[in-house]
PDB file of N, CA and C in Angstrom:
ATOM      1  N   MET A   1      85.811  35.715 166.071  1.00  0.00           N
ATOM      2  CA  MET A   1      86.746  35.841 167.056  1.00  0.00           C
ATOM      3  C   MET A   1      88.129  36.156 166.380  1.00  0.00           C
ATOM      4  N   LYS A   2      88.839  37.211 166.924  1.00  0.00           N
ATOM      5  CA  LYS A   2      90.069  37.562 166.312  1.00  0.00           C
ATOM      6  C   LYS A   2      91.213  36.711 166.746  1.00  0.00           C
ATOM      7  N   THR A   3      92.015  36.383 165.759  1.00  0.00           N
ATOM      8  CA  THR A   3      93.156  35.471 166.066  1.00  0.00           C
ATOM      9  C   THR A   3      94.353  36.304 166.465  1.00  0.00           C
ATOM     10  N   ASP A   4      95.362  35.570 167.070  1.00  0.00           N
ATOM     11  CA  ASP A   4      96.569  36.314 167.436  1.00  0.00           C
ATOM     12  C   ASP A   4      97.193  36.989 166.155  1.00  0.00           C
ATOM     13  N   LYS A   5      97.218  36.281 165.060  1.00  0.00           N
ATOM     14  CA  LYS A   5      97.776  36.758 163.838  1.00  0.00           C
ATOM     15  C   LYS A   5      97.123  38.027 163.353  1.00  0.00           C
ATOM     16  N   HIS A   6      95.722  38.077 163.525  1.00  0.00           N
ATOM     17  CA  HIS A   6      95.010  39.342 163.133  1.00  0.00           C
ATOM     18  C   HIS A   6      95.372  40.438 164.083  1.00  0.00           C
ATOM     19  N   ARG A   7      95.431  40.200 165.363  1.00  0.00           N
ATOM     20  CA  ARG A   7      95.795  41.222 166.418  1.00  0.00           C
ATOM     21  C   ARG A   7      97.163  41.742 166.018  1.00  0.00           C
ATOM     22  N   LYS A   8      98.082  40.820 165.809  1.00  0.00           N
ATOM     23  CA  LYS A   8      99.483  41.311 165.473  1.00  0.00           C
ATOM     24  C   LYS A   8      99.480  42.162 164.275  1.00  0.00           C
ATOM     25  N   GLN A   9      98.783  41.783 163.243  1.00  0.00           N
ATOM     26  CA  GLN A   9      98.725  42.638 161.984  1.00  0.00           C
ATOM     27  C   GLN A   9      98.166  43.975 162.338  1.00  0.00           C
ATOM     28  N   LYS A  10      97.176  44.064 163.126  1.00  0.00           N
ATOM     29  CA  LYS A  10      96.500  45.349 163.490  1.00  0.00           C
ATOM     30  C   LYS A  10      97.537  46.239 164.264  1.00  0.00           C
ATOM     31  N   SER A  11      98.239  45.595 165.149  1.00  0.00           N
ATOM     32  CA  SER A  11      99.190  46.335 165.981  1.00  0.00           C
ATOM     33  C   SER A  11     100.340  46.808 165.074  1.00  0.00           C
ATOM     34  N   GLU A  12     100.797  46.021 164.121  1.00  0.00           N
ATOM     35  CA  GLU A  12     101.841  46.438 163.201  1.00  0.00           C
ATOM     36  C   GLU A  12     101.450  47.606 162.319  1.00  0.00           C
ATOM     37  N   GLN A  13     100.219  47.525 161.894  1.00  0.00           N
ATOM     38  CA  GLN A  13      99.641  48.591 161.002  1.00  0.00           C
ATOM     39  C   GLN A  13      99.555  49.867 161.860  1.00  0.00           C
ATOM     40  N   ALA A  14      99.010  49.777 163.033  1.00  0.00           N
ATOM     41  CA  ALA A  14      99.012  50.902 163.940  1.00  0.00           C
ATOM     42  C   ALA A  14     100.368  51.641 164.205  1.00  0.00           C
ATOM     43  N   LEU A  15     101.398  50.743 164.431  1.00  0.00           N
ATOM     44  CA  LEU A  15     102.713  51.268 164.593  1.00  0.00           C
ATOM     45  C   LEU A  15     103.211  51.980 163.278  1.00  0.00           C
ATOM     46  N   GLN A  16     102.959  51.373 162.213  1.00  0.00           N
ATOM     47  CA  GLN A  16     103.446  51.910 160.865  1.00  0.00           C
ATOM     48  C   GLN A  16     102.694  53.173 160.604  1.00  0.00           C
ATOM     49  N   LYS A  17     101.454  53.304 160.910  1.00  0.00           N
ATOM     50  CA  LYS A  17     100.678  54.562 160.728  1.00  0.00           C
ATOM     51  C   LYS A  17     101.256  55.629 161.634  1.00  0.00           C
ATOM     52  N   ALA A  18     101.564  55.311 162.827  1.00  0.00           N
ATOM     53  CA  ALA A  18     102.167  56.260 163.823  1.00  0.00           C
ATOM     54  C   ALA A  18     103.489  56.785 163.282  1.00  0.00           C
ATOM     55  N   LEU A  19     104.308  55.884 162.818  1.00  0.00           N
ATOM     56  CA  LEU A  19     105.618  56.274 162.229  1.00  0.00           C
ATOM     57  C   LEU A  19     105.456  57.262 160.978  1.00  0.00           C
ATOM     58  N   ALA A  20     104.485  56.882 160.151  1.00  0.00           N
ATOM     59  CA  ALA A  20     104.248  57.654 158.979  1.00  0.00           C
ATOM     60  C   ALA A  20     103.675  59.032 159.331  1.00  0.00           C
ATOM     61  N   LEU A  21     102.873  59.062 160.388  1.00  0.00           N
ATOM     62  CA  LEU A  21     102.388  60.396 160.802  1.00  0.00           C
ATOM     63  C   LEU A  21     103.483  61.324 161.351  1.00  0.00           C
ATOM     64  N   GLN A  22     104.479  60.647 162.000  1.00  0.00           N
ATOM     65  CA  GLN A  22     105.603  61.389 162.541  1.00  0.00           C
ATOM     66  C   GLN A  22     106.466  61.930 161.418  1.00  0.00           C
ATOM     67  N   VAL A  23     106.631  61.141 160.356  1.00  0.00           N
ATOM     68  CA  VAL A  23     107.384  61.650 159.135  1.00  0.00           C
ATOM     69  C   VAL A  23     106.530  62.784 158.479  1.00  0.00           C
ATOM     70  N   ALA A  24     105.248  62.689 158.337  1.00  0.00           N
ATOM     71  CA  ALA A  24     104.372  63.684 157.694  1.00  0.00           C
ATOM     72  C   ALA A  24     104.190  65.029 158.565  1.00  0.00           C
ATOM     73  N   LYS A  25     104.442  64.976 159.831  1.00  0.00           N
ATOM     74  CA  LYS A  25     104.174  66.046 160.684  1.00  0.00           C
ATOM     75  C   LYS A  25     104.871  67.335 160.211  1.00  0.00           C
ATOM     76  N   GLY A  26     106.105  67.333 159.979  1.00  0.00           N
ATOM     77  CA  GLY A  26     106.870  68.497 159.558  1.00  0.00           C
ATOM     78  C   GLY A  26     106.311  69.007 158.251  1.00  0.00           C
ATOM     79  N   HIS A  27     106.059  68.182 157.335  1.00  0.00           N
ATOM     80  CA  HIS A  27     105.537  68.600 156.047  1.00  0.00           C
ATOM     81  C   HIS A  27     104.141  69.316 156.227  1.00  0.00           C
ATOM     82  N   CYS A  28     103.324  68.743 157.053  1.00  0.00           N
ATOM     83  CA  CYS A  28     102.037  69.348 157.329  1.00  0.00           C
ATOM     84  C   CYS A  28     102.201  70.751 157.912  1.00  0.00           C
ATOM     85  N   GLU A  29     103.109  70.879 158.914  1.00  0.00           N
ATOM     86  CA  GLU A  29     103.314  72.211 159.594  1.00  0.00           C
ATOM     87  C   GLU A  29     103.792  73.215 158.582  1.00  0.00           C
ATOM     88  N   GLN A  30     104.708  72.843 157.720  1.00  0.00           N
ATOM     89  CA  GLN A  30     105.321  73.745 156.766  1.00  0.00           C
ATOM     90  C   GLN A  30     104.345  74.224 155.607  1.00  0.00           C
ATOM     91  N   ASN A  31     103.308  73.249 155.381  1.00  0.00           N
ATOM     92  CA  ASN A  31     102.379  73.567 154.265  1.00  0.00           C
ATOM     93  C   ASN A  31     100.956  73.824 154.652  1.00  0.00           C
ATOM     94  N   ASN A  32     100.768  74.210 155.887  1.00  0.00           N
ATOM     95  CA  ASN A  32      99.376  74.536 156.411  1.00  0.00           C
ATOM     96  C   ASN A  32      98.451  73.355 156.167  1.00  0.00           C
ATOM     97  N   LEU A  33      98.884  72.186 156.525  1.00  0.00           N
ATOM     98  CA  LEU A  33      97.970  70.971 156.382  1.00  0.00           C
ATOM     99  C   LEU A  33      97.663  70.520 157.804  1.00  0.00           C
ATOM    100  N   SER A  34      96.565  69.972 158.003  1.00  0.00           N
ATOM    101  CA  SER A  34      96.111  69.518 159.338  1.00  0.00           C
ATOM    102  C   SER A  34      96.548  68.116 159.668  1.00  0.00           C
ATOM    103  N   ILE A  35      97.391  67.963 160.546  1.00  0.00           N
ATOM    104  CA  ILE A  35      97.840  66.663 161.105  1.00  0.00           C
ATOM    105  C   ILE A  35      96.608  65.889 161.728  1.00  0.00           C
ATOM    106  N   ASP A  36      95.741  66.615 162.411  1.00  0.00           N
ATOM    107  CA  ASP A  36      94.548  66.027 162.964  1.00  0.00           C
ATOM    108  C   ASP A  36      93.666  65.363 161.847  1.00  0.00           C
ATOM    109  N   LYS A  37      93.514  66.076 160.772  1.00  0.00           N
ATOM    110  CA  LYS A  37      92.715  65.476 159.677  1.00  0.00           C
ATOM    111  C   LYS A  37      93.456  64.281 159.077  1.00  0.00           C
ATOM    112  N   LEU A  38      94.748  64.422 158.989  1.00  0.00           N
ATOM    113  CA  LEU A  38      95.542  63.244 158.430  1.00  0.00           C
ATOM    114  C   LEU A  38      95.464  61.986 159.299  1.00  0.00           C
ATOM    115  N   LYS A  39      95.372  62.209 160.554  1.00  0.00           N
ATOM    116  CA  LYS A  39      95.236  61.123 161.547  1.00  0.00           C
ATOM    117  C   LYS A  39      93.948  60.349 161.318  1.00  0.00           C
ATOM    118  N   GLU A  40      92.934  60.995 160.803  1.00  0.00           N
ATOM    119  CA  GLU A  40      91.569  60.346 160.546  1.00  0.00           C
ATOM    120  C   GLU A  40      91.547  59.674 159.178  1.00  0.00           C
ATOM    121  N   GLN A  41      92.497  59.794 158.415  1.00  0.00           N
ATOM    122  CA  GLN A  41      92.525  59.209 157.013  1.00  0.00           C
ATOM    123  C   GLN A  41      92.741  57.707 157.078  1.00  0.00           C
ATOM    124  N   LEU A  42      92.321  57.014 156.079  1.00  0.00           N
ATOM    125  CA  LEU A  42      92.676  55.661 155.915  1.00  0.00           C
ATOM    126  C   LEU A  42      94.181  55.518 155.613  1.00  0.00           C
ATOM    127  N   PHE A  43      94.745  54.431 155.950  1.00  0.00           N
ATOM    128  CA  PHE A  43      96.278  54.261 155.836  1.00  0.00           C
ATOM    129  C   PHE A  43      96.464  52.927 155.187  1.00  0.00           C
ATOM    130  N   TYR A  44      97.336  53.074 154.156  1.00  0.00           N
ATOM    131  CA  TYR A  44      97.768  51.861 153.337  1.00  0.00           C
ATOM    132  C   TYR A  44      99.290  51.774 153.188  1.00  0.00           C
ATOM    133  N   LEU A  45      99.815  50.541 153.230  1.00  0.00           N
ATOM    134  CA  LEU A  45     101.211  50.386 152.844  1.00  0.00           C
ATOM    135  C   LEU A  45     101.216  49.675 151.453  1.00  0.00           C
ATOM    136  N   VAL A  46     101.871  50.143 150.495  1.00  0.00           N
ATOM    137  CA  VAL A  46     101.947  49.533 149.241  1.00  0.00           C
ATOM    138  C   VAL A  46     103.436  49.589 148.792  1.00  0.00           C
ATOM    139  N   TYR A  47     104.050  48.449 148.768  1.00  0.00           N
ATOM    140  CA  TYR A  47     105.496  48.373 148.444  1.00  0.00           C
ATOM    141  C   TYR A  47     106.314  49.268 149.204  1.00  0.00           C
ATOM    142  N   SER A  48     106.924  50.269 148.671  1.00  0.00           N
ATOM    143  CA  SER A  48     107.767  51.236 149.419  1.00  0.00           C
ATOM    144  C   SER A  48     107.160  52.513 149.623  1.00  0.00           C
ATOM    145  N   SER A  49     105.714  52.540 149.758  1.00  0.00           N
ATOM    146  CA  SER A  49     105.007  53.747 149.937  1.00  0.00           C
ATOM    147  C   SER A  49     103.997  53.610 151.041  1.00  0.00           C
ATOM    148  N   ALA A  50     103.836  54.665 151.773  1.00  0.00           N
ATOM    149  CA  ALA A  50     102.760  54.802 152.825  1.00  0.00           C
ATOM    150  C   ALA A  50     101.739  55.815 152.230  1.00  0.00           C
ATOM    151  N   ILE A  51     100.511  55.379 152.189  1.00  0.00           N
ATOM    152  CA  ILE A  51      99.438  56.252 151.605  1.00  0.00           C
ATOM    153  C   ILE A  51      98.356  56.502 152.625  1.00  0.00           C
ATOM    154  N   PHE A  52      98.094  57.884 152.731  1.00  0.00           N
ATOM    155  CA  PHE A  52      96.934  58.380 153.419  1.00  0.00           C
ATOM    156  C   PHE A  52      95.837  58.601 152.449  1.00  0.00           C
ATOM    157  N   ALA A  53      94.610  58.324 152.765  1.00  0.00           N
ATOM    158  CA  ALA A  53      93.556  58.431 151.824  1.00  0.00           C
ATOM    159  C   ALA A  53      92.212  58.887 152.481  1.00  0.00           C
ATOM    160  N   GLN A  54      91.494  59.747 151.837  1.00  0.00           N
ATOM    161  CA  GLN A  54      90.210  60.180 152.306  1.00  0.00           C
ATOM    162  C   GLN A  54      89.127  59.064 151.893  1.00  0.00           C
ATOM    163  N   PRO A  55      88.381  58.548 152.801  1.00  0.00           N
ATOM    164  CA  PRO A  55      87.356  57.578 152.457  1.00  0.00           C
ATOM    165  C   PRO A  55      86.326  58.238 151.614  1.00  0.00           C
ATOM    166  N   SER A  56      85.661  57.466 150.779  1.00  0.00           N
ATOM    167  CA  SER A  56      84.585  57.976 149.848  1.00  0.00           C
ATOM    168  C   SER A  56      83.287  57.909 150.731  1.00  0.00           C
ATOM    169  N   ASN A  57      82.414  58.887 150.421  1.00  0.00           N
ATOM    170  CA  ASN A  57      81.105  58.832 151.070  1.00  0.00           C
ATOM    171  C   ASN A  57      79.998  58.389 150.055  1.00  0.00           C
ATOM    172  N   VAL A  58      80.450  57.849 148.972  1.00  0.00           N
ATOM    173  CA  VAL A  58      79.548  57.375 147.904  1.00  0.00           C
ATOM    174  C   VAL A  58      79.209  55.922 148.176  1.00  0.00           C
ATOM    175  N   THR A  59      77.909  55.674 148.095  1.00  0.00           N
ATOM    176  CA  THR A  59      77.454  54.260 148.430  1.00  0.00           C
ATOM    177  C   THR A  59      77.668  53.407 147.119  1.00  0.00           C
ATOM    178  N   PRO A  60      78.323  52.295 147.298  1.00  0.00           N
ATOM    179  CA  PRO A  60      78.573  51.473 146.120  1.00  0.00           C
ATOM    180  C   PRO A  60      77.335  50.945 145.406  1.00  0.00           C
ATOM    181  N   ASN A  61      77.368  50.855 144.115  1.00  0.00           N
ATOM    182  CA  ASN A  61      76.255  50.358 143.272  1.00  0.00           C
ATOM    183  C   ASN A  61      76.843  49.441 142.230  1.00  0.00           C
ATOM    184  N   GLY A  62      77.471  48.341 142.805  1.00  0.00           N
ATOM    185  CA  GLY A  62      78.186  47.448 141.855  1.00  0.00           C
ATOM    186  C   GLY A  62      79.215  48.042 141.181  1.00  0.00           C
ATOM    187  N   LEU A  63      79.367  47.824 139.842  1.00  0.00           N
ATOM    188  CA  LEU A  63      80.422  48.391 139.028  1.00  0.00           C
ATOM    189  C   LEU A  63      79.941  49.719 138.379  1.00  0.00           C
ATOM    190  N   LEU A  64      78.792  50.126 138.644  1.00  0.00           N
ATOM    191  CA  LEU A  64      78.255  51.327 137.924  1.00  0.00           C
ATOM    192  C   LEU A  64      78.961  52.632 138.475  1.00  0.00           C
ATOM    193  N   ASN A  65      79.384  52.579 139.724  1.00  0.00           N
ATOM    194  CA  ASN A  65      80.058  53.748 140.313  1.00  0.00           C
ATOM    195  C   ASN A  65      81.301  53.339 141.064  1.00  0.00           C
ATOM    196  N   ASP A  66      81.951  52.358 140.635  1.00  0.00           N
ATOM    197  CA  ASP A  66      83.128  51.806 141.251  1.00  0.00           C
ATOM    198  C   ASP A  66      84.242  52.839 141.524  1.00  0.00           C
ATOM    199  N   LEU A  67      84.491  53.707 140.540  1.00  0.00           N
ATOM    200  CA  LEU A  67      85.596  54.707 140.594  1.00  0.00           C
ATOM    201  C   LEU A  67      85.236  55.774 141.731  1.00  0.00           C
ATOM    202  N   GLU A  68      83.965  56.152 141.848  1.00  0.00           N
ATOM    203  CA  GLU A  68      83.541  57.186 142.825  1.00  0.00           C
ATOM    204  C   GLU A  68      83.659  56.625 144.226  1.00  0.00           C
ATOM    205  N   THR A  69      83.650  55.312 144.413  1.00  0.00           N
ATOM    206  CA  THR A  69      83.689  54.772 145.837  1.00  0.00           C
ATOM    207  C   THR A  69      85.097  54.537 146.269  1.00  0.00           C
ATOM    208  N   GLN A  70      86.103  54.749 145.400  1.00  0.00           N
ATOM    209  CA  GLN A  70      87.430  54.508 145.832  1.00  0.00           C
ATOM    210  C   GLN A  70      87.966  55.645 146.760  1.00  0.00           C
ATOM    211  N   PRO A  71      88.778  55.335 147.744  1.00  0.00           N
ATOM    212  CA  PRO A  71      89.359  56.345 148.568  1.00  0.00           C
ATOM    213  C   PRO A  71      90.309  57.237 147.783  1.00  0.00           C
ATOM    214  N   LYS A  72      90.309  58.514 148.134  1.00  0.00           N
ATOM    215  CA  LYS A  72      91.180  59.543 147.412  1.00  0.00           C
ATOM    216  C   LYS A  72      92.487  59.646 148.139  1.00  0.00           C
ATOM    217  N   PRO A  73      93.608  59.324 147.508  1.00  0.00           N
ATOM    218  CA  PRO A  73      94.953  59.533 148.121  1.00  0.00           C
ATOM    219  C   PRO A  73      95.190  60.948 148.396  1.00  0.00           C
ATOM    220  N   THR A  74      95.576  61.321 149.696  1.00  0.00           N
ATOM    221  CA  THR A  74      95.827  62.748 150.003  1.00  0.00           C
ATOM    222  C   THR A  74      97.273  63.020 150.235  1.00  0.00           C
ATOM    223  N   LEU A  75      98.005  62.066 150.798  1.00  0.00           N
ATOM    224  CA  LEU A  75      99.444  62.241 151.048  1.00  0.00           C
ATOM    225  C   LEU A  75     100.227  60.942 150.959  1.00  0.00           C
ATOM    226  N   ILE A  76     101.245  60.974 150.331  1.00  0.00           N
ATOM    227  CA  ILE A  76     102.006  59.753 150.079  1.00  0.00           C
ATOM    228  C   ILE A  76     103.462  59.873 150.562  1.00  0.00           C
ATOM    229  N   ILE A  77     103.931  58.969 151.301  1.00  0.00           N
ATOM    230  CA  ILE A  77     105.332  58.999 151.733  1.00  0.00           C
ATOM    231  C   ILE A  77     106.038  57.837 151.004  1.00  0.00           C
ATOM    232  N   GLU A  78     107.082  58.189 150.270  1.00  0.00           N
ATOM    233  CA  GLU A  78     107.736  57.155 149.506  1.00  0.00           C
ATOM    234  C   GLU A  78     109.217  57.025 150.064  1.00  0.00           C
ATOM    235  N   LEU A  79     109.682  55.848 149.865  1.00  0.00           N
ATOM    236  CA  LEU A  79     111.111  55.527 150.250  1.00  0.00           C
ATOM    237  C   LEU A  79     111.818  55.320 148.900  1.00  0.00           C
ATOM    238  N   ALA A  80     112.774  56.176 148.595  1.00  0.00           N
ATOM    239  CA  ALA A  80     113.569  56.167 147.355  1.00  0.00           C
ATOM    240  C   ALA A  80     114.894  56.469 147.769  1.00  0.00           C
ATOM    241  N   ASP A  81     115.891  55.637 147.299  1.00  0.00           N
ATOM    242  CA  ASP A  81     117.282  55.781 147.605  1.00  0.00           C
ATOM    243  C   ASP A  81     117.601  56.083 149.081  1.00  0.00           C
ATOM    244  N   ASN A  82     116.909  55.273 149.910  1.00  0.00           N
ATOM    245  CA  ASN A  82     117.020  55.338 151.317  1.00  0.00           C
ATOM    246  C   ASN A  82     116.692  56.668 151.982  1.00  0.00           C
ATOM    247  N   CYS A  83     115.842  57.410 151.324  1.00  0.00           N
ATOM    248  CA  CYS A  83     115.380  58.668 151.741  1.00  0.00           C
ATOM    249  C   CYS A  83     113.889  58.654 151.645  1.00  0.00           C
ATOM    250  N   LEU A  84     113.201  59.302 152.723  1.00  0.00           N
ATOM    251  CA  LEU A  84     111.756  59.367 152.721  1.00  0.00           C
ATOM    252  C   LEU A  84     111.256  60.725 152.091  1.00  0.00           C
ATOM    253  N   LYS A  85     110.330  60.643 151.265  1.00  0.00           N
ATOM    254  CA  LYS A  85     109.874  61.868 150.619  1.00  0.00           C
ATOM    255  C   LYS A  85     108.324  61.913 150.700  1.00  0.00           C
ATOM    256  N   VAL A  86     107.793  63.083 151.110  1.00  0.00           N
ATOM    257  CA  VAL A  86     106.396  63.305 151.321  1.00  0.00           C
ATOM    258  C   VAL A  86     105.925  64.010 150.012  1.00  0.00           C
ATOM    259  N   LEU A  87     104.896  63.346 149.478  1.00  0.00           N
ATOM    260  CA  LEU A  87     104.344  63.953 148.217  1.00  0.00           C
ATOM    261  C   LEU A  87     102.899  64.217 148.419  1.00  0.00           C
ATOM    262  N   GLU A  88     102.384  65.348 147.849  1.00  0.00           N
ATOM    263  CA  GLU A  88     101.052  65.768 147.878  1.00  0.00           C
ATOM    264  C   GLU A  88     100.343  65.212 146.620  1.00  0.00           C
ATOM    265  N   THR A  89      99.057  65.165 146.651  1.00  0.00           N
ATOM    266  CA  THR A  89      98.252  64.763 145.458  1.00  0.00           C
ATOM    267  C   THR A  89      97.257  65.896 145.111  1.00  0.00           C
ATOM    268  N   GLU A  90      96.523  65.639 144.078  1.00  0.00           N
ATOM    269  CA  GLU A  90      95.448  66.720 143.757  1.00  0.00           C
ATOM    270  C   GLU A  90      94.385  66.693 144.800  1.00  0.00           C
ATOM    271  N   TYR A  91      94.307  65.774 145.755  1.00  0.00           N
ATOM    272  CA  TYR A  91      93.347  65.837 146.762  1.00  0.00           C
ATOM    273  C   TYR A  91      93.768  66.405 148.126  1.00  0.00           C
ATOM    274  N   THR A  92      95.130  66.630 148.229  1.00  0.00           N
ATOM    275  CA  THR A  92      95.690  67.083 149.520  1.00  0.00           C
ATOM    276  C   THR A  92      95.066  68.336 150.027  1.00  0.00           C
ATOM    277  N   ALA A  93      95.059  69.446 149.214  1.00  0.00           N
ATOM    278  CA  ALA A  93      94.449  70.641 149.753  1.00  0.00           C
ATOM    279  C   ALA A  93      93.020  70.529 150.123  1.00  0.00           C
ATOM    280  N   LYS A  94      92.218  69.816 149.279  1.00  0.00           N
ATOM    281  CA  LYS A  94      90.839  69.624 149.528  1.00  0.00           C
ATOM    282  C   LYS A  94      90.497  69.009 150.809  1.00  0.00           C
ATOM    283  N   TYR A  95      91.223  68.028 151.221  1.00  0.00           N
ATOM    284  CA  TYR A  95      90.912  67.244 152.411  1.00  0.00           C
ATOM    285  C   TYR A  95      91.751  67.505 153.656  1.00  0.00           C
ATOM    286  N   LEU A  96      93.024  68.173 153.411  1.00  0.00           N
ATOM    287  CA  LEU A  96      93.855  68.271 154.545  1.00  0.00           C
ATOM    288  C   LEU A  96      94.163  69.751 154.939  1.00  0.00           C
ATOM    289  N   THR A  97      93.728  70.778 154.190  1.00  0.00           N
ATOM    290  CA  THR A  97      94.016  72.114 154.547  1.00  0.00           C
ATOM    291  C   THR A  97      93.502  72.404 155.963  1.00  0.00           C
ATOM    292  N   ALA A  98      94.489  73.094 156.762  1.00  0.00           N
ATOM    293  CA  ALA A  98      94.110  73.394 158.158  1.00  0.00           C
ATOM    294  C   ALA A  98      93.140  74.446 158.236  1.00  0.00           C
TER     295      ALA A  98
END
């Protein structure tokens, strides 16, 4: 059974993802990246960064393939000097090209 705290956390994360998508939209349009694909990505907040990541399709096998099972970061939004910056990674084109 989900607690109120859990529901609140889920709601806050959904709002944060929606705001991050709004920030990323212009970057995607300018760089021929799919906002629809970005919407399907995993979403993480880490300190002053919002990270979109492609889930792995590799089945975990203990520590033998741990790195292969990790999500691949595709787009990062950083807050630096009160300014939001959208950064691409080596996985951006592979997973987000329109």
